[in-house]
Amino acid sequence: MKPETENRIQVSDFKFQISSFQIRSYNKKCHQMNNSCT
């Protein structure tokens, strides 16, 4: 039961890293186009 929970935490952390990376690259594109992004 313990390793299963650890695995889930790793997967969610991985997804979080991916989403934060996508947000960062999205913001970069907006700044390059001189748009204000939130």
PDB file of N, CA and C in Angstrom:
ATOM      1  N   MET A   1       0.833  -1.200   0.000  1.00  0.00           N
ATOM      2  CA  MET A   1       0.000   0.000   0.000  1.00  0.00           C
ATOM      3  C   MET A   1       0.873   1.259   0.000  1.00  0.00           C
ATOM      4  N   LYS A   2       1.971   1.217   0.706  1.00  0.00           N
ATOM      5  CA  LYS A   2       2.825   2.408   0.786  1.00  0.00           C
ATOM      6  C   LYS A   2       3.470   2.750  -0.568  1.00  0.00           C
ATOM      7  N   PRO A   3       4.113   1.800  -1.240  1.00  0.00           N
ATOM      8  CA  PRO A   3       4.733   2.141  -2.534  1.00  0.00           C
ATOM      9  C   PRO A   3       3.710   2.659  -3.542  1.00  0.00           C
ATOM     10  N   GLU A   4       2.492   2.137  -3.463  1.00  0.00           N
ATOM     11  CA  GLU A   4       1.469   2.581  -4.411  1.00  0.00           C
ATOM     12  C   GLU A   4       1.187   4.074  -4.213  1.00  0.00           C
ATOM     13  N   THR A   5       1.092   4.469  -2.964  1.00  0.00           N
ATOM     14  CA  THR A   5       0.838   5.885  -2.665  1.00  0.00           C
ATOM     15  C   THR A   5       2.020   6.735  -3.121  1.00  0.00           C
ATOM     16  N   GLU A   6       3.211   6.265  -2.882  1.00  0.00           N
ATOM     17  CA  GLU A   6       4.399   7.018  -3.317  1.00  0.00           C
ATOM     18  C   GLU A   6       4.383   7.197  -4.830  1.00  0.00           C
ATOM     19  N   ASN A   7       4.002   6.127  -5.519  1.00  0.00           N
ATOM     20  CA  ASN A   7       3.960   6.194  -6.980  1.00  0.00           C
ATOM     21  C   ASN A   7       2.962   7.251  -7.431  1.00  0.00           C
ATOM     22  N   ARG A   8       1.813   7.289  -6.775  1.00  0.00           N
ATOM     23  CA  ARG A   8       0.794   8.274  -7.148  1.00  0.00           C
ATOM     24  C   ARG A   8       1.327   9.689  -6.947  1.00  0.00           C
ATOM     25  N   ILE A   9       2.025   9.889  -5.857  1.00  0.00           N
ATOM     26  CA  ILE A   9       2.576  11.220  -5.570  1.00  0.00           C
ATOM     27  C   ILE A   9       3.569  11.611  -6.662  1.00  0.00           C
ATOM     28  N   GLN A  10       4.405  10.686  -7.073  1.00  0.00           N
ATOM     29  CA  GLN A  10       5.387  10.984  -8.123  1.00  0.00           C
ATOM     30  C   GLN A  10       4.678  11.352  -9.423  1.00  0.00           C
ATOM     31  N   VAL A  11       3.640  10.614  -9.756  1.00  0.00           N
ATOM     32  CA  VAL A  11       2.919  10.876 -11.009  1.00  0.00           C
ATOM     33  C   VAL A  11       2.280  12.259 -10.974  1.00  0.00           C
ATOM     34  N   SER A  12       1.631  12.586  -9.865  1.00  0.00           N
ATOM     35  CA  SER A  12       0.984  13.901  -9.774  1.00  0.00           C
ATOM     36  C   SER A  12       2.034  15.009  -9.806  1.00  0.00           C
ATOM     37  N   ASP A  13       3.173  14.774  -9.167  1.00  0.00           N
ATOM     38  CA  ASP A  13       4.244  15.773  -9.191  1.00  0.00           C
ATOM     39  C   ASP A  13       4.750  15.957 -10.624  1.00  0.00           C
ATOM     40  N   PHE A  14       4.865  14.859 -11.361  1.00  0.00           N
ATOM     41  CA  PHE A  14       5.304  14.915 -12.749  1.00  0.00           C
ATOM     42  C   PHE A  14       4.313  15.730 -13.581  1.00  0.00           C
ATOM     43  N   LYS A  15       3.023  15.472 -13.381  1.00  0.00           N
ATOM     44  CA  LYS A  15       2.006  16.225 -14.119  1.00  0.00           C
ATOM     45  C   LYS A  15       2.080  17.702 -13.772  1.00  0.00           C
ATOM     46  N   PHE A  16       2.320  17.987 -12.501  1.00  0.00           N
ATOM     47  CA  PHE A  16       2.409  19.389 -12.075  1.00  0.00           C
ATOM     48  C   PHE A  16       3.585  20.073 -12.770  1.00  0.00           C
ATOM     49  N   GLN A  17       4.718  19.393 -12.843  1.00  0.00           N
ATOM     50  CA  GLN A  17       5.891  19.970 -13.509  1.00  0.00           C
ATOM     51  C   GLN A  17       5.585  20.251 -14.978  1.00  0.00           C
ATOM     52  N   ILE A  18       4.906  19.325 -15.621  1.00  0.00           N
ATOM     53  CA  ILE A  18       4.571  19.509 -17.035  1.00  0.00           C
ATOM     54  C   ILE A  18       3.660  20.723 -17.208  1.00  0.00           C
ATOM     55  N   SER A  19       2.630  20.818 -16.376  1.00  0.00           N
ATOM     56  CA  SER A  19       1.684  21.932 -16.513  1.00  0.00           C
ATOM     57  C   SER A  19       2.376  23.261 -16.238  1.00  0.00           C
ATOM     58  N   SER A  20       3.229  23.301 -15.231  1.00  0.00           N
ATOM     59  CA  SER A  20       3.931  24.556 -14.927  1.00  0.00           C
ATOM     60  C   SER A  20       4.872  24.919 -16.074  1.00  0.00           C
ATOM     61  N   PHE A  21       5.476  23.908 -16.701  1.00  0.00           N
ATOM     62  CA  PHE A  21       6.348  24.170 -17.847  1.00  0.00           C
ATOM     63  C   PHE A  21       5.534  24.744 -19.009  1.00  0.00           C
ATOM     64  N   GLN A  22       4.353  24.172 -19.258  1.00  0.00           N
ATOM     65  CA  GLN A  22       3.497  24.668 -20.335  1.00  0.00           C
ATOM     66  C   GLN A  22       3.078  26.108 -20.066  1.00  0.00           C
ATOM     67  N   ILE A  23       2.749  26.403 -18.815  1.00  0.00           N
ATOM     68  CA  ILE A  23       2.343  27.768 -18.458  1.00  0.00           C
ATOM     69  C   ILE A  23       3.495  28.734 -18.710  1.00  0.00           C
ATOM     70  N   ARG A  24       4.698  28.314 -18.346  1.00  0.00           N
ATOM     71  CA  ARG A  24       5.859  29.180 -18.523  1.00  0.00           C
ATOM     72  C   ARG A  24       6.094  29.464 -20.010  1.00  0.00           C
ATOM     73  N   SER A  25       6.068  28.432 -20.829  1.00  0.00           N
ATOM     74  CA  SER A  25       6.311  28.630 -22.260  1.00  0.00           C
ATOM     75  C   SER A  25       5.187  29.464 -22.875  1.00  0.00           C
ATOM     76  N   TYR A  26       3.965  29.273 -22.384  1.00  0.00           N
ATOM     77  CA  TYR A  26       2.841  30.077 -22.876  1.00  0.00           C
ATOM     78  C   TYR A  26       3.069  31.548 -22.540  1.00  0.00           C
ATOM     79  N   ASN A  27       3.479  31.830 -21.329  1.00  0.00           N
ATOM     80  CA  ASN A  27       3.745  33.211 -20.921  1.00  0.00           C
ATOM     81  C   ASN A  27       4.870  33.806 -21.760  1.00  0.00           C
ATOM     82  N   LYS A  28       5.870  32.983 -22.055  1.00  0.00           N
ATOM     83  CA  LYS A  28       6.986  33.470 -22.870  1.00  0.00           C
ATOM     84  C   LYS A  28       6.481  33.909 -24.241  1.00  0.00           C
ATOM     85  N   LYS A  29       5.644  33.084 -24.858  1.00  0.00           N
ATOM     86  CA  LYS A  29       5.111  33.424 -26.173  1.00  0.00           C
ATOM     87  C   LYS A  29       4.350  34.739 -26.108  1.00  0.00           C
ATOM     88  N   CYS A  30       3.545  34.904 -25.067  1.00  0.00           N
ATOM     89  CA  CYS A  30       2.750  36.124 -24.927  1.00  0.00           C
ATOM     90  C   CYS A  30       3.660  37.332 -24.818  1.00  0.00           C
ATOM     91  N   HIS A  31       4.712  37.231 -24.036  1.00  0.00           N
ATOM     92  CA  HIS A  31       5.622  38.364 -23.856  1.00  0.00           C
ATOM     93  C   HIS A  31       6.322  38.693 -25.179  1.00  0.00           C
ATOM     94  N   GLN A  32       6.642  37.669 -25.936  1.00  0.00           N
ATOM     95  CA  GLN A  32       7.307  37.910 -27.213  1.00  0.00           C
ATOM     96  C   GLN A  32       6.373  38.660 -28.162  1.00  0.00           C
ATOM     97  N   MET A  33       5.088  38.405 -28.045  1.00  0.00           N
ATOM     98  CA  MET A  33       4.111  39.070 -28.908  1.00  0.00           C
ATOM     99  C   MET A  33       3.639  40.387 -28.296  1.00  0.00           C
ATOM    100  N   ASN A  34       4.246  40.771 -27.172  1.00  0.00           N
ATOM    101  CA  ASN A  34       3.914  42.043 -26.514  1.00  0.00           C
ATOM    102  C   ASN A  34       2.456  42.087 -26.077  1.00  0.00           C
ATOM    103  N   ASN A  35       1.964  40.950 -25.589  1.00  0.00           N
ATOM    104  CA  ASN A  35       0.607  40.908 -25.052  1.00  0.00           C
ATOM    105  C   ASN A  35       0.681  40.805 -23.541  1.00  0.00           C
ATOM    106  N   SER A  36      -0.311  41.311 -22.876  1.00  0.00           N
ATOM    107  CA  SER A  36      -0.358  41.159 -21.417  1.00  0.00           C
ATOM    108  C   SER A  36      -1.103  39.877 -21.093  1.00  0.00           C
ATOM    109  N   CYS A  37      -0.429  38.981 -20.414  1.00  0.00           N
ATOM    110  CA  CYS A  37      -1.036  37.692 -20.093  1.00  0.00           C
ATOM    111  C   CYS A  37      -1.136  37.522 -18.592  1.00  0.00           C
ATOM    112  N   THR A  38      -2.207  36.873 -18.169  1.00  0.00           N
ATOM    113  CA  THR A  38      -2.366  36.614 -16.737  1.00  0.00           C
ATOM    114  C   THR A  38      -2.177  35.139 -16.477  1.00  0.00           C
TER     115      THR A  38
END
